[in-house]
N, C-alpha and C. Protein backbone atom coordinates (compact mmCIF):
# COMPACT_ATOMS: atom_id res chain seq x y z
N MET A 1 102.29 139.96 120.81
CA MET A 1 102.48 140.09 119.63
C MET A 1 103.76 140.96 119.25
N GLU A 2 104.53 140.35 118.66
CA GLU A 2 106.04 140.84 118.65
C GLU A 2 106.08 141.64 117.28
N GLN A 3 106.64 142.89 117.81
CA GLN A 3 106.79 144.02 116.61
C GLN A 3 108.00 143.80 115.89
N THR A 4 108.10 143.69 114.68
CA THR A 4 109.31 143.72 113.76
C THR A 4 109.86 145.06 113.57
N LYS A 5 111.15 145.23 113.66
CA LYS A 5 111.69 146.56 113.19
C LYS A 5 111.59 146.63 111.64
N PRO A 6 111.69 147.76 111.30
CA PRO A 6 112.13 147.97 109.61
C PRO A 6 113.28 147.57 109.56
N MET A 7 113.51 147.30 108.03
CA MET A 7 114.73 146.64 107.70
C MET A 7 115.99 147.55 108.13
N GLU A 8 115.68 148.95 107.89
CA GLU A 8 116.84 149.84 108.06
C GLU A 8 117.34 149.90 109.39
N GLN A 9 116.62 149.62 110.40
CA GLN A 9 117.06 149.65 111.62
C GLN A 9 117.54 148.34 112.27
N MET A 10 117.38 147.27 111.47
CA MET A 10 118.09 145.94 112.09
C MET A 10 119.57 146.01 111.82
N THR A 11 120.12 145.14 112.85
CA THR A 11 121.51 145.00 112.53
C THR A 11 121.72 143.75 111.40
N GLN A 12 122.89 143.70 110.88
CA GLN A 12 123.38 142.57 109.98
C GLN A 12 122.90 141.23 110.49
N GLN A 13 123.09 140.77 111.70
CA GLN A 13 122.65 139.74 112.50
C GLN A 13 121.18 139.55 112.37
N GLU A 14 120.47 140.60 112.68
CA GLU A 14 118.96 140.39 112.58
C GLU A 14 118.39 140.09 111.30
N ARG A 15 119.21 140.86 110.34
CA ARG A 15 118.72 140.68 109.09
C ARG A 15 118.95 139.25 108.60
N GLU A 16 120.02 138.72 108.83
CA GLU A 16 120.37 137.15 108.41
C GLU A 16 119.39 136.28 109.07
N GLN A 17 118.92 136.53 110.39
CA GLN A 17 118.08 135.76 110.97
C GLN A 17 116.74 135.63 110.36
N ALA A 18 116.53 137.02 110.23
CA ALA A 18 114.92 137.25 109.31
C ALA A 18 114.80 136.69 108.00
N TYR A 19 115.93 136.73 107.46
CA TYR A 19 116.09 135.87 106.11
C TYR A 19 115.98 134.48 106.24
N GLN A 20 116.79 134.02 107.23
CA GLN A 20 116.76 132.43 107.42
C GLN A 20 115.46 131.88 107.82
N GLN A 21 114.48 132.76 108.59
CA GLN A 21 113.16 132.25 108.80
C GLN A 21 112.59 132.29 107.87
N LYS A 22 112.58 133.35 106.82
CA LYS A 22 111.77 133.29 105.70
C LYS A 22 111.89 132.05 104.91
N VAL A 23 113.43 131.74 104.71
CA VAL A 23 113.66 130.79 103.66
C VAL A 23 113.33 129.47 104.27
N GLU A 24 113.27 129.23 105.81
CA GLU A 24 112.51 128.09 106.23
C GLU A 24 111.38 127.74 106.09
N GLN A 25 110.60 129.05 106.38
CA GLN A 25 109.13 128.97 106.09
C GLN A 25 108.78 128.50 104.65
N ALA A 26 109.48 129.07 103.55
CA ALA A 26 109.33 128.87 102.10
C ALA A 26 109.60 127.49 101.64
N THR A 27 110.59 127.15 102.22
CA THR A 27 111.35 125.50 101.66
C THR A 27 110.35 124.48 102.13
N PRO A 28 109.88 123.86 100.94
CA PRO A 28 109.05 122.66 101.10
C PRO A 28 109.70 121.53 101.92
N LYS A 29 108.91 120.93 102.63
CA LYS A 29 109.46 119.87 103.55
C LYS A 29 109.24 118.34 102.84
N TYR A 30 110.25 117.55 102.76
CA TYR A 30 110.00 116.26 102.14
C TYR A 30 110.86 115.19 102.88
N SER A 31 110.13 114.06 102.62
CA SER A 31 110.47 112.85 103.27
C SER A 31 111.48 112.27 102.37
N MET A 32 112.58 112.15 102.62
CA MET A 32 113.51 111.31 101.41
C MET A 32 113.07 110.07 101.42
N THR A 33 112.75 109.31 102.52
CA THR A 33 112.45 107.75 102.49
C THR A 33 111.17 107.51 101.76
N LEU A 34 110.18 108.45 101.96
CA LEU A 34 108.87 108.36 101.23
C LEU A 34 109.18 108.45 99.76
N ARG A 35 109.95 109.52 99.48
CA ARG A 35 110.37 109.93 97.93
C ARG A 35 111.02 108.57 97.36
N MET A 36 111.78 108.05 98.03
CA MET A 36 112.53 106.83 97.48
C MET A 36 111.63 105.50 97.40
N ILE A 37 110.88 105.50 98.12
CA ILE A 37 109.93 104.56 98.06
C ILE A 37 108.90 104.49 96.94
N LYS A 38 108.48 106.05 96.72
CA LYS A 38 107.52 106.16 95.54
C LYS A 38 108.40 105.67 94.30
N ALA A 39 109.45 106.33 94.27
CA ALA A 39 110.47 106.13 92.89
C ALA A 39 110.55 104.64 92.95
N PHE A 40 110.75 104.00 93.69
CA PHE A 40 111.01 102.30 93.68
C PHE A 40 109.84 101.76 93.17
N LEU A 41 108.60 102.24 93.58
CA LEU A 41 107.44 101.62 93.21
C LEU A 41 107.10 101.99 91.78
N VAL A 42 107.24 103.03 91.27
CA VAL A 42 106.84 103.50 90.09
C VAL A 42 107.82 102.87 89.01
N GLY A 43 109.19 103.07 89.40
CA GLY A 43 110.33 102.29 88.32
C GLY A 43 109.94 100.89 88.34
N GLY A 44 109.76 100.28 89.71
CA GLY A 44 109.34 98.74 89.49
C GLY A 44 108.15 98.44 88.57
N LEU A 45 107.22 99.35 88.75
CA LEU A 45 105.93 99.04 88.04
C LEU A 45 106.20 99.03 86.69
N ILE A 46 107.14 99.93 86.30
CA ILE A 46 107.41 100.19 84.85
C ILE A 46 108.25 98.95 84.32
N CYS A 47 109.05 98.41 85.15
CA CYS A 47 109.83 97.30 84.77
C CYS A 47 109.04 96.05 84.92
N VAL A 48 107.96 96.00 85.74
CA VAL A 48 107.21 94.71 85.75
C VAL A 48 106.24 94.71 84.56
N ILE A 49 105.83 96.04 84.11
CA ILE A 49 105.15 95.99 82.77
C ILE A 49 105.94 95.46 81.70
N GLY A 50 107.14 96.08 81.53
CA GLY A 50 108.29 95.48 80.56
C GLY A 50 108.33 94.21 80.37
N GLN A 51 108.58 93.55 81.80
CA GLN A 51 108.65 91.81 81.84
C GLN A 51 107.63 91.30 81.58
N LEU A 52 106.51 91.76 81.77
CA LEU A 52 105.12 90.93 81.24
C LEU A 52 105.07 91.10 79.72
N ILE A 53 105.41 92.03 79.23
CA ILE A 53 105.43 92.29 77.71
C ILE A 53 106.33 91.30 77.16
N LEU A 54 107.56 91.14 77.69
CA LEU A 54 108.79 90.42 77.31
C LEU A 54 108.05 88.94 77.41
N ASN A 55 107.67 88.21 78.60
CA ASN A 55 107.21 87.06 78.73
C ASN A 55 106.04 86.84 77.93
N TYR A 56 104.98 87.80 77.71
CA TYR A 56 104.13 87.50 76.71
C TYR A 56 104.53 87.13 75.22
N ALA A 57 105.49 87.95 74.96
CA ALA A 57 105.92 87.90 73.50
C ALA A 57 106.77 86.69 73.16
N THR A 58 107.58 86.26 74.29
CA THR A 58 108.49 85.06 74.01
C THR A 58 107.47 83.70 74.40
N ASN A 59 106.68 83.59 75.43
CA ASN A 59 105.91 82.40 75.87
C ASN A 59 104.62 82.28 74.96
N ARG A 60 103.86 83.42 74.75
CA ARG A 60 102.63 83.48 74.21
C ARG A 60 102.61 83.55 72.50
N MET A 61 103.58 84.24 72.12
CA MET A 61 103.66 84.66 70.58
C MET A 61 104.67 83.80 69.96
N GLY A 62 105.55 83.11 70.69
CA GLY A 62 106.85 82.47 70.26
C GLY A 62 107.95 83.33 69.65
N ILE A 63 107.99 84.63 70.07
CA ILE A 63 109.03 85.46 69.55
C ILE A 63 110.25 85.16 70.25
N ASP A 64 111.45 85.16 69.37
CA ASP A 64 112.64 85.06 70.04
C ASP A 64 112.94 86.30 71.10
N LYS A 65 113.97 86.05 72.08
CA LYS A 65 114.16 87.06 73.13
C LYS A 65 114.69 88.46 72.66
N GLU A 66 115.47 88.41 71.57
CA GLU A 66 116.13 89.76 71.12
C GLU A 66 114.76 90.47 70.50
N THR A 67 113.84 89.95 69.37
CA THR A 67 112.76 90.54 68.91
C THR A 67 111.85 91.04 70.06
N ALA A 68 111.70 90.15 70.89
CA ALA A 68 110.87 90.61 72.09
C ALA A 68 111.21 91.75 72.80
N GLY A 69 112.34 91.82 73.04
CA GLY A 69 113.01 92.96 73.79
C GLY A 69 112.80 94.33 72.86
N SER A 70 112.93 94.27 71.39
CA SER A 70 112.73 95.37 70.70
C SER A 70 111.23 95.85 70.85
N TRP A 71 110.17 94.80 70.99
CA TRP A 71 108.71 95.06 70.75
C TRP A 71 108.58 95.60 72.26
N CYS A 72 109.29 95.16 73.29
CA CYS A 72 108.96 95.67 74.76
C CYS A 72 109.32 97.31 74.60
N SER A 73 110.43 97.38 74.09
CA SER A 73 111.08 99.00 74.13
C SER A 73 110.05 99.83 73.44
N MET A 74 109.69 99.31 72.29
CA MET A 74 108.77 100.23 71.27
C MET A 74 107.52 100.46 72.08
N LEU A 75 106.85 99.43 72.60
CA LEU A 75 105.61 99.38 73.32
C LEU A 75 105.69 100.39 74.64
N LEU A 76 106.85 100.30 75.11
CA LEU A 76 106.81 101.19 76.48
C LEU A 76 107.18 102.71 75.85
N VAL A 77 107.81 102.81 74.94
CA VAL A 77 107.98 104.22 74.33
C VAL A 77 106.60 104.82 73.95
N LEU A 78 106.01 103.97 73.19
CA LEU A 78 104.84 104.37 72.81
C LEU A 78 103.69 104.70 73.83
N ALA A 79 103.68 103.84 74.96
CA ALA A 79 102.76 104.12 76.12
C ALA A 79 103.28 105.08 76.74
N SER A 80 104.53 105.46 77.00
CA SER A 80 105.04 106.90 77.46
C SER A 80 104.53 108.27 76.70
N VAL A 81 104.73 107.92 75.41
CA VAL A 81 104.62 109.09 74.64
C VAL A 81 102.85 109.63 74.51
N LEU A 82 101.92 108.29 74.49
CA LEU A 82 100.68 108.64 74.70
C LEU A 82 100.39 109.15 76.01
N LEU A 83 100.83 108.51 77.07
CA LEU A 83 100.35 109.08 78.39
C LEU A 83 101.04 110.53 78.55
N THR A 84 102.03 110.98 78.04
CA THR A 84 102.53 112.30 77.97
C THR A 84 101.57 113.36 77.20
N GLY A 85 101.02 112.82 76.11
CA GLY A 85 100.21 113.52 75.14
C GLY A 85 99.03 113.83 76.03
N PHE A 86 98.41 112.97 76.70
CA PHE A 86 97.11 113.02 77.53
C PHE A 86 97.59 113.74 79.07
N GLY A 87 98.54 113.83 79.26
CA GLY A 87 98.95 114.74 80.61
C GLY A 87 99.05 113.82 81.63
N ILE A 88 98.95 112.41 81.48
CA ILE A 88 99.13 111.50 82.71
C ILE A 88 100.57 111.30 83.01
N TYR A 89 101.47 111.05 82.30
CA TYR A 89 102.85 110.76 82.60
C TYR A 89 103.28 111.72 83.56
N HIS A 90 102.98 113.13 83.22
CA HIS A 90 103.47 114.22 84.27
C HIS A 90 103.04 113.92 85.82
N LYS A 91 101.85 113.37 85.91
CA LYS A 91 101.36 113.24 87.28
C LYS A 91 102.03 111.82 87.89
N CYS A 92 102.47 110.98 86.92
CA CYS A 92 103.35 109.73 87.44
C CYS A 92 104.63 110.39 87.90
N VAL A 93 105.22 111.46 87.26
CA VAL A 93 106.42 111.80 87.43
C VAL A 93 106.37 112.52 88.86
N GLU A 94 105.32 113.45 88.99
CA GLU A 94 105.22 114.15 90.02
C GLU A 94 105.23 113.09 91.43
N TRP A 95 104.48 112.14 91.35
CA TRP A 95 104.20 111.32 92.39
C TRP A 95 105.48 110.19 92.65
N GLY A 96 106.04 109.88 91.62
CA GLY A 96 107.13 108.75 91.61
C GLY A 96 108.49 109.29 91.35
N GLY A 97 108.62 110.47 91.00
CA GLY A 97 109.93 111.11 90.99
C GLY A 97 110.93 110.50 89.97
N ALA A 98 111.90 110.00 90.24
CA ALA A 98 113.10 109.58 89.48
C ALA A 98 112.71 108.11 88.97
N GLY A 99 111.79 107.50 89.76
CA GLY A 99 111.29 106.16 89.08
C GLY A 99 110.67 106.21 88.07
N ALA A 100 109.95 107.30 87.64
CA ALA A 100 109.27 107.46 86.10
C ALA A 100 110.17 108.15 85.19
N LEU A 101 111.23 108.89 85.61
CA LEU A 101 112.14 109.52 84.76
C LEU A 101 113.36 108.62 84.31
N VAL A 102 113.70 107.77 84.98
CA VAL A 102 114.90 107.17 84.67
C VAL A 102 114.86 106.06 83.60
N PRO A 103 113.81 105.23 83.48
CA PRO A 103 113.74 104.16 82.59
C PRO A 103 113.56 104.90 81.20
N ILE A 104 113.29 104.07 80.08
CA ILE A 104 113.35 104.33 78.64
C ILE A 104 112.06 105.22 78.49
N THR A 105 111.20 105.04 79.35
CA THR A 105 109.80 105.73 79.35
C THR A 105 110.04 107.19 79.73
N GLY A 106 111.05 107.44 80.55
CA GLY A 106 111.28 108.81 80.92
C GLY A 106 111.89 109.51 79.87
N PHE A 107 112.91 108.75 79.10
CA PHE A 107 113.54 109.65 77.85
C PHE A 107 112.40 109.93 76.96
N ALA A 108 111.57 109.00 76.66
CA ALA A 108 110.55 109.13 75.45
C ALA A 108 109.54 110.25 76.15
N ASN A 109 109.16 110.31 77.49
CA ASN A 109 108.48 111.54 77.78
C ASN A 109 109.09 112.72 77.62
N SER A 110 110.67 112.93 77.85
CA SER A 110 111.29 114.30 77.62
C SER A 110 111.27 114.57 76.29
N VAL A 111 111.23 113.52 75.40
CA VAL A 111 111.46 114.12 73.83
C VAL A 111 109.78 114.69 73.65
N ALA A 112 108.92 113.86 74.07
CA ALA A 112 107.43 114.25 73.57
C ALA A 112 107.07 115.48 74.49
N SER A 113 107.39 115.72 75.78
CA SER A 113 107.17 116.91 76.28
C SER A 113 107.56 118.15 75.64
N ALA A 114 108.89 118.07 75.18
CA ALA A 114 109.36 118.93 74.38
C ALA A 114 108.62 119.54 73.07
N ALA A 115 108.36 118.29 72.31
CA ALA A 115 107.53 118.44 71.09
C ALA A 115 106.08 119.05 71.46
N ILE A 116 105.60 118.91 72.18
CA ILE A 116 104.21 119.40 72.92
C ILE A 116 104.34 120.87 73.33
N GLU A 117 105.30 121.01 73.84
CA GLU A 117 105.63 122.43 74.59
C GLU A 117 105.92 123.47 73.39
N TYR A 118 106.51 122.98 72.32
CA TYR A 118 106.96 123.82 71.31
C TYR A 118 106.38 123.95 70.01
N GLN A 119 105.33 123.10 70.00
CA GLN A 119 104.55 122.90 68.56
C GLN A 119 103.82 124.34 68.29
N LYS A 120 103.50 125.33 69.16
CA LYS A 120 103.15 126.61 68.72
C LYS A 120 103.83 127.28 67.92
N GLU A 121 105.27 126.99 68.15
CA GLU A 121 106.35 127.77 67.33
C GLU A 121 106.42 127.34 65.74
N GLY A 122 105.72 126.14 65.51
CA GLY A 122 105.84 125.59 64.08
C GLY A 122 106.55 124.26 64.05
N GLN A 123 106.45 123.80 63.03
CA GLN A 123 107.09 122.36 62.82
C GLN A 123 108.72 122.23 62.77
N VAL A 124 109.11 123.50 61.99
CA VAL A 124 110.51 123.58 62.04
C VAL A 124 111.21 124.24 63.23
N PHE A 125 110.83 125.50 63.34
CA PHE A 125 111.42 126.24 64.44
C PHE A 125 111.12 125.86 65.88
N GLY A 126 109.84 125.18 65.99
CA GLY A 126 109.30 124.71 67.35
C GLY A 126 109.81 123.34 67.53
N ILE A 127 108.97 122.37 66.81
CA ILE A 127 109.18 121.16 67.19
C ILE A 127 110.57 120.50 66.77
N GLY A 128 110.90 120.92 65.58
CA GLY A 128 112.19 120.62 65.11
C GLY A 128 113.35 120.83 65.54
N CYS A 129 113.35 122.22 65.98
CA CYS A 129 114.44 122.71 66.79
C CYS A 129 114.60 122.31 68.23
N LYS A 130 113.55 122.32 68.96
CA LYS A 130 113.47 122.02 70.36
C LYS A 130 113.19 120.63 70.84
N ILE A 131 112.79 119.65 69.98
CA ILE A 131 112.41 118.35 70.40
C ILE A 131 113.50 117.68 71.14
N PHE A 132 114.68 117.81 70.92
CA PHE A 132 115.77 117.18 71.73
C PHE A 132 116.36 118.24 72.71
N THR A 133 115.80 119.27 73.22
CA THR A 133 116.45 120.20 74.26
C THR A 133 116.80 119.44 75.39
N ILE A 134 115.92 118.45 75.99
CA ILE A 134 116.20 117.84 77.12
C ILE A 134 116.93 116.42 76.81
N ALA A 135 116.40 115.68 75.71
CA ALA A 135 117.07 114.54 75.57
C ALA A 135 118.39 114.64 74.75
N GLY A 136 118.67 115.75 74.04
CA GLY A 136 119.73 115.98 73.21
C GLY A 136 120.99 115.70 74.09
N PRO A 137 121.43 116.26 75.05
CA PRO A 137 122.49 116.05 75.91
C PRO A 137 122.77 114.31 76.07
N VAL A 138 121.60 113.65 76.34
CA VAL A 138 121.71 112.28 76.75
C VAL A 138 121.94 111.45 75.40
N ILE A 139 121.65 111.96 74.25
CA ILE A 139 121.86 111.12 72.97
C ILE A 139 123.32 111.56 72.74
N LEU A 140 123.75 112.81 72.55
CA LEU A 140 125.19 113.21 72.38
C LEU A 140 126.22 112.33 73.35
N TYR A 141 126.19 112.55 74.89
CA TYR A 141 127.06 111.65 75.69
C TYR A 141 126.98 110.24 75.65
N GLY A 142 125.58 109.80 75.31
CA GLY A 142 125.48 108.27 75.03
C GLY A 142 126.20 107.73 73.88
N ILE A 143 126.14 108.65 72.82
CA ILE A 143 126.91 108.17 71.66
C ILE A 143 128.33 108.40 71.77
N PHE A 144 128.87 109.32 72.23
CA PHE A 144 130.17 109.77 72.55
C PHE A 144 130.89 108.60 73.62
N THR A 145 130.19 108.14 74.51
CA THR A 145 130.58 107.38 75.56
C THR A 145 130.60 105.90 74.76
N SER A 146 129.75 105.58 74.03
CA SER A 146 129.61 104.28 73.44
C SER A 146 130.95 104.17 72.38
N TRP A 147 131.27 105.28 71.55
CA TRP A 147 132.25 105.40 70.89
C TRP A 147 133.68 105.26 71.77
N VAL A 148 133.56 105.87 72.76
CA VAL A 148 134.98 105.87 73.53
C VAL A 148 135.18 104.33 73.87
N LEU A 149 134.10 103.87 74.60
CA LEU A 149 134.14 102.34 74.93
C LEU A 149 134.66 101.29 73.64
N GLY A 150 133.93 101.67 72.52
CA GLY A 150 134.33 100.87 71.32
C GLY A 150 135.91 101.03 71.14
N VAL A 151 136.40 102.21 71.16
CA VAL A 151 137.89 102.16 70.74
C VAL A 151 138.51 101.78 71.89
N VAL A 152 138.30 101.76 73.19
CA VAL A 152 138.92 101.07 74.40
C VAL A 152 138.87 99.49 74.02
N TYR A 153 137.75 98.95 73.59
CA TYR A 153 137.50 97.52 73.41
C TYR A 153 138.33 97.29 72.22
N TRP A 154 138.27 97.91 71.12
CA TRP A 154 139.16 97.60 69.82
C TRP A 154 140.59 97.60 70.39
N ALA A 155 141.19 98.62 71.14
CA ALA A 155 142.41 98.51 71.60
C ALA A 155 142.77 97.29 72.47
N GLY A 156 141.84 97.05 73.32
CA GLY A 156 141.95 95.90 73.99
C GLY A 156 142.12 94.58 73.32
N LYS A 157 141.37 94.43 72.23
CA LYS A 157 141.42 93.61 71.38
C LYS A 157 142.76 93.28 70.79
N LEU A 158 143.39 94.56 70.30
CA LEU A 158 144.59 94.40 69.39
C LEU A 158 145.73 94.07 70.46
N LEU A 159 145.62 94.60 71.74
CA LEU A 159 146.61 94.02 72.65
C LEU A 159 146.44 92.90 73.38
N GLY A 160 145.43 92.32 72.93
CA GLY A 160 145.19 90.77 73.69
C GLY A 160 144.80 91.09 75.05
N ILE A 161 144.24 91.99 75.58
CA ILE A 161 143.76 92.05 76.80
C ILE A 161 142.27 91.60 76.79
N VAL A 162 141.35 91.88 75.82
CA VAL A 162 140.15 91.48 75.76
C VAL A 162 140.05 90.17 75.08
């Protein structure tokens, strides 16, 4: 059994090696390929559910595509919020990673999670102030980007490019 020296007696190089060993032991090991497959499966499943909703609404209910798309988005957001409230969506995120966070359901999850987390602080200072903690930057930069693209499109129309 190897005896380790006290930190005071170690050289700088020995301390760095000891630190690197501790970091190596503490760092979790992940398989990037497995994580990508899981994300693909979860994201794909969410998209398949969305497609099933669209197909049902257009083929069985006779709703036009645009209205069916709105219903699909609303139902996916509702399902995400309900699953977040029951603590199920978090398990999907743990297993599927970005596959569960990227679609519209992930956005709804981030808003609902913040509302649930800060509800103890009250309606105004808890939920009202913190609900968009995670989703706020997405909304801000989404609106800003759409504005910039609108100006570019408008300028392109004026110049006859578009």
